[in-house]
């Protein structure tokens, strides 16, 4: 059974930092592309950052320069270091993993962790 467990969310003042973690079990972590998505109230879920198996990260324009995504395949864990947080970063953050070997597709989501940025 595949499980994704996120942690690290919370409430922080503007300009503050948080570090989200996503630990996975039940899959061969190293072959999965990993990503963080977020969904703010009343808005669609959006991609925040992605780190494929080649470890070449990609970021949404809104977080470039402020967020850093990383992964450790030996620990089956991915992180999102968030700095210089803004109120508009408030959302539920979801861990996502994806593996597409040809015609098949394997995709899993975490339960989400709430991030609130407010003074």
C-alpha atoms as a PDB file:
ATOM      1  CA  UNK A   1       0.000   0.000   0.000  1.00  0.00           C
ATOM      2  CA  UNK A   2       1.375   3.386  -1.032  1.00  0.00           C
ATOM      3  CA  UNK A   3       1.458   6.080   1.628  1.00  0.00           C
ATOM      4  CA  UNK A   4       2.586   9.697   1.400  1.00  0.00           C
ATOM      5  CA  UNK A   5       2.879  11.495   4.717  1.00  0.00           C
ATOM      6  CA  UNK A   6       3.351  15.248   4.730  1.00  0.00           C
ATOM      7  CA  UNK A   7       4.436  17.355   7.661  1.00  0.00           C
ATOM      8  CA  UNK A   8       5.813  20.779   8.472  1.00  0.00           C
ATOM      9  CA  UNK A   9       2.841  23.001   7.805  1.00  0.00           C
ATOM     10  CA  UNK A  10       1.714  25.678  10.212  1.00  0.00           C
ATOM     11  CA  UNK A  11       1.211  29.386  10.717  1.00  0.00           C
ATOM     12  CA  UNK A  12       3.974  31.863  10.093  1.00  0.00           C
ATOM     13  CA  UNK A  13       4.243  35.636   9.741  1.00  0.00           C
ATOM     14  CA  UNK A  14       5.004  37.232   6.383  1.00  0.00           C
ATOM     15  CA  UNK A  15       8.699  36.981   5.660  1.00  0.00           C
ATOM     16  CA  UNK A  16       9.027  33.807   7.682  1.00  0.00           C
ATOM     17  CA  UNK A  17      10.068  30.313   6.683  1.00  0.00           C
ATOM     18  CA  UNK A  18       8.704  26.790   6.814  1.00  0.00           C
ATOM     19  CA  UNK A  19      10.011  23.424   5.682  1.00  0.00           C
ATOM     20  CA  UNK A  20       7.591  20.833   4.417  1.00  0.00           C
ATOM     21  CA  UNK A  21       8.436  17.143   4.288  1.00  0.00           C
ATOM     22  CA  UNK A  22       6.873  14.276   2.366  1.00  0.00           C
ATOM     23  CA  UNK A  23       7.885  10.731   3.243  1.00  0.00           C
ATOM     24  CA  UNK A  24       6.713   7.889   1.025  1.00  0.00           C
ATOM     25  CA  UNK A  25       6.370   4.160   1.558  1.00  0.00           C
ATOM     26  CA  UNK A  26       5.189   1.338  -0.653  1.00  0.00           C
ATOM     27  CA  UNK A  27       6.924   2.413  -3.857  1.00  0.00           C
ATOM     28  CA  UNK A  28      10.378   2.509  -5.392  1.00  0.00           C
ATOM     29  CA  UNK A  29      10.845   6.169  -4.560  1.00  0.00           C
ATOM     30  CA  UNK A  30      13.825   6.787  -6.840  1.00  0.00           C
ATOM     31  CA  UNK A  31      11.903   6.120 -10.069  1.00  0.00           C
ATOM     32  CA  UNK A  32       9.103   8.571  -9.299  1.00  0.00           C
ATOM     33  CA  UNK A  33       8.999  12.204 -10.288  1.00  0.00           C
ATOM     34  CA  UNK A  34       8.012  14.222  -7.230  1.00  0.00           C
ATOM     35  CA  UNK A  35       6.270  17.531  -6.874  1.00  0.00           C
ATOM     36  CA  UNK A  36       4.521  19.915  -4.510  1.00  0.00           C
ATOM     37  CA  UNK A  37       1.164  21.383  -5.401  1.00  0.00           C
ATOM     38  CA  UNK A  38      -0.974  23.831  -3.468  1.00  0.00           C
ATOM     39  CA  UNK A  39      -4.594  24.833  -3.372  1.00  0.00           C
ATOM     40  CA  UNK A  40      -5.816  28.079  -1.884  1.00  0.00           C
ATOM     41  CA  UNK A  41      -9.469  28.599  -0.911  1.00  0.00           C
ATOM     42  CA  UNK A  42     -11.600  29.154  -3.984  1.00  0.00           C
ATOM     43  CA  UNK A  43      -8.743  28.451  -6.367  1.00  0.00           C
ATOM     44  CA  UNK A  44      -7.592  25.520  -8.462  1.00  0.00           C
ATOM     45  CA  UNK A  45      -4.745  23.314  -7.381  1.00  0.00           C
ATOM     46  CA  UNK A  46      -1.486  24.546  -8.881  1.00  0.00           C
ATOM     47  CA  UNK A  47       2.019  23.229  -9.296  1.00  0.00           C
ATOM     48  CA  UNK A  48       4.520  24.846  -6.935  1.00  0.00           C
ATOM     49  CA  UNK A  49       7.708  22.926  -7.623  1.00  0.00           C
ATOM     50  CA  UNK A  50       8.777  19.650  -9.186  1.00  0.00           C
ATOM     51  CA  UNK A  51      11.869  17.501  -8.906  1.00  0.00           C
ATOM     52  CA  UNK A  52      12.135  14.708 -11.451  1.00  0.00           C
ATOM     53  CA  UNK A  53      14.310  11.644 -11.126  1.00  0.00           C
ATOM     54  CA  UNK A  54      17.258  13.561 -12.595  1.00  0.00           C
ATOM     55  CA  UNK A  55      16.987  15.983  -9.646  1.00  0.00           C
ATOM     56  CA  UNK A  56      16.657  18.990 -11.976  1.00  0.00           C
ATOM     57  CA  UNK A  57      14.109  21.138 -10.163  1.00  0.00           C
ATOM     58  CA  UNK A  58      11.458  23.335 -11.685  1.00  0.00           C
ATOM     59  CA  UNK A  59       9.491  26.109 -10.004  1.00  0.00           C
ATOM     60  CA  UNK A  60       6.372  28.142 -10.543  1.00  0.00           C
ATOM     61  CA  UNK A  61       7.179  31.772 -11.264  1.00  0.00           C
ATOM     62  CA  UNK A  62       5.437  32.850  -8.070  1.00  0.00           C
ATOM     63  CA  UNK A  63       7.885  30.961  -5.855  1.00  0.00           C
ATOM     64  CA  UNK A  64      11.138  31.114  -7.834  1.00  0.00           C
ATOM     65  CA  UNK A  65      13.921  32.411  -5.665  1.00  0.00           C
ATOM     66  CA  UNK A  66      11.981  31.827  -2.450  1.00  0.00           C
ATOM     67  CA  UNK A  67      11.271  28.078  -2.403  1.00  0.00           C
ATOM     68  CA  UNK A  68      13.665  25.160  -2.787  1.00  0.00           C
ATOM     69  CA  UNK A  69      12.608  21.604  -3.543  1.00  0.00           C
ATOM     70  CA  UNK A  70      14.868  18.667  -2.782  1.00  0.00           C
ATOM     71  CA  UNK A  71      14.740  14.894  -2.401  1.00  0.00           C
ATOM     72  CA  UNK A  72      16.739  12.118  -0.813  1.00  0.00           C
ATOM     73  CA  UNK A  73      16.072   8.778  -2.458  1.00  0.00           C
ATOM     74  CA  UNK A  74      17.796   6.888   0.348  1.00  0.00           C
ATOM     75  CA  UNK A  75      15.280   8.346   2.813  1.00  0.00           C
ATOM     76  CA  UNK A  76      12.235   8.180   0.522  1.00  0.00           C
ATOM     77  CA  UNK A  77      11.672  11.810   1.374  1.00  0.00           C
ATOM     78  CA  UNK A  78      11.110  15.082  -0.421  1.00  0.00           C
ATOM     79  CA  UNK A  79      11.238  18.565   1.093  1.00  0.00           C
ATOM     80  CA  UNK A  80      10.068  22.041   0.257  1.00  0.00           C
ATOM     81  CA  UNK A  81      12.018  24.814   1.947  1.00  0.00           C
ATOM     82  CA  UNK A  82       9.886  27.948   1.858  1.00  0.00           C
ATOM     83  CA  UNK A  83      11.378  31.327   2.676  1.00  0.00           C
ATOM     84  CA  UNK A  84      10.207  34.937   2.453  1.00  0.00           C
ATOM     85  CA  UNK A  85       6.670  33.686   2.757  1.00  0.00           C
ATOM     86  CA  UNK A  86       3.834  35.916   1.647  1.00  0.00           C
ATOM     87  CA  UNK A  87       0.139  35.904   2.554  1.00  0.00           C
ATOM     88  CA  UNK A  88      -0.623  34.680  -0.959  1.00  0.00           C
ATOM     89  CA  UNK A  89       1.342  31.507  -0.193  1.00  0.00           C
ATOM     90  CA  UNK A  90      -1.447  30.486   2.184  1.00  0.00           C
ATOM     91  CA  UNK A  91      -2.846  27.185   0.946  1.00  0.00           C
ATOM     92  CA  UNK A  92      -2.998  23.469   1.510  1.00  0.00           C
ATOM     93  CA  UNK A  93       0.210  21.973   0.164  1.00  0.00           C
ATOM     94  CA  UNK A  94       0.101  18.502  -1.368  1.00  0.00           C
ATOM     95  CA  UNK A  95       2.849  16.048  -2.092  1.00  0.00           C
ATOM     96  CA  UNK A  96       2.545  14.323  -5.476  1.00  0.00           C
ATOM     97  CA  UNK A  97       4.409  11.492  -7.119  1.00  0.00           C
ATOM     98  CA  UNK A  98       4.200  10.255 -10.659  1.00  0.00           C
ATOM     99  CA  UNK A  99       5.674   7.383 -12.670  1.00  0.00           C
ATOM    100  CA  UNK A 100       4.791   6.763 -16.315  1.00  0.00           C
ATOM    101  CA  UNK A 101       6.487   3.658 -17.746  1.00  0.00           C
ATOM    102  CA  UNK A 102       5.122   3.702 -21.284  1.00  0.00           C
ATOM    103  CA  UNK A 103       1.326   3.385 -21.565  1.00  0.00           C
ATOM    104  CA  UNK A 104       0.782   2.961 -17.836  1.00  0.00           C
ATOM    105  CA  UNK A 105       0.689   5.743 -15.266  1.00  0.00           C
ATOM    106  CA  UNK A 106       1.089   5.604 -11.526  1.00  0.00           C
ATOM    107  CA  UNK A 107       0.117   8.706  -9.572  1.00  0.00           C
ATOM    108  CA  UNK A 108      -0.315   9.312  -5.859  1.00  0.00           C
ATOM    109  CA  UNK A 109      -1.236  12.261  -3.636  1.00  0.00           C
ATOM    110  CA  UNK A 110      -0.630  13.050  -0.013  1.00  0.00           C
ATOM    111  CA  UNK A 111      -3.359  14.220   2.343  1.00  0.00           C
ATOM    112  CA  UNK A 112      -2.113  17.808   2.381  1.00  0.00           C
ATOM    113  CA  UNK A 113      -0.649  20.085   5.003  1.00  0.00           C
ATOM    114  CA  UNK A 114      -1.977  23.560   5.759  1.00  0.00           C
ATOM    115  CA  UNK A 115       0.285  26.595   5.452  1.00  0.00           C
ATOM    116  CA  UNK A 116      -0.993  29.916   6.765  1.00  0.00           C
ATOM    117  CA  UNK A 117       0.948  33.135   6.291  1.00  0.00           C
ATOM    118  CA  UNK A 118      -0.508  35.997   8.274  1.00  0.00           C
ATOM    119  CA  UNK A 119       0.415  38.671  10.760  1.00  0.00           C
END
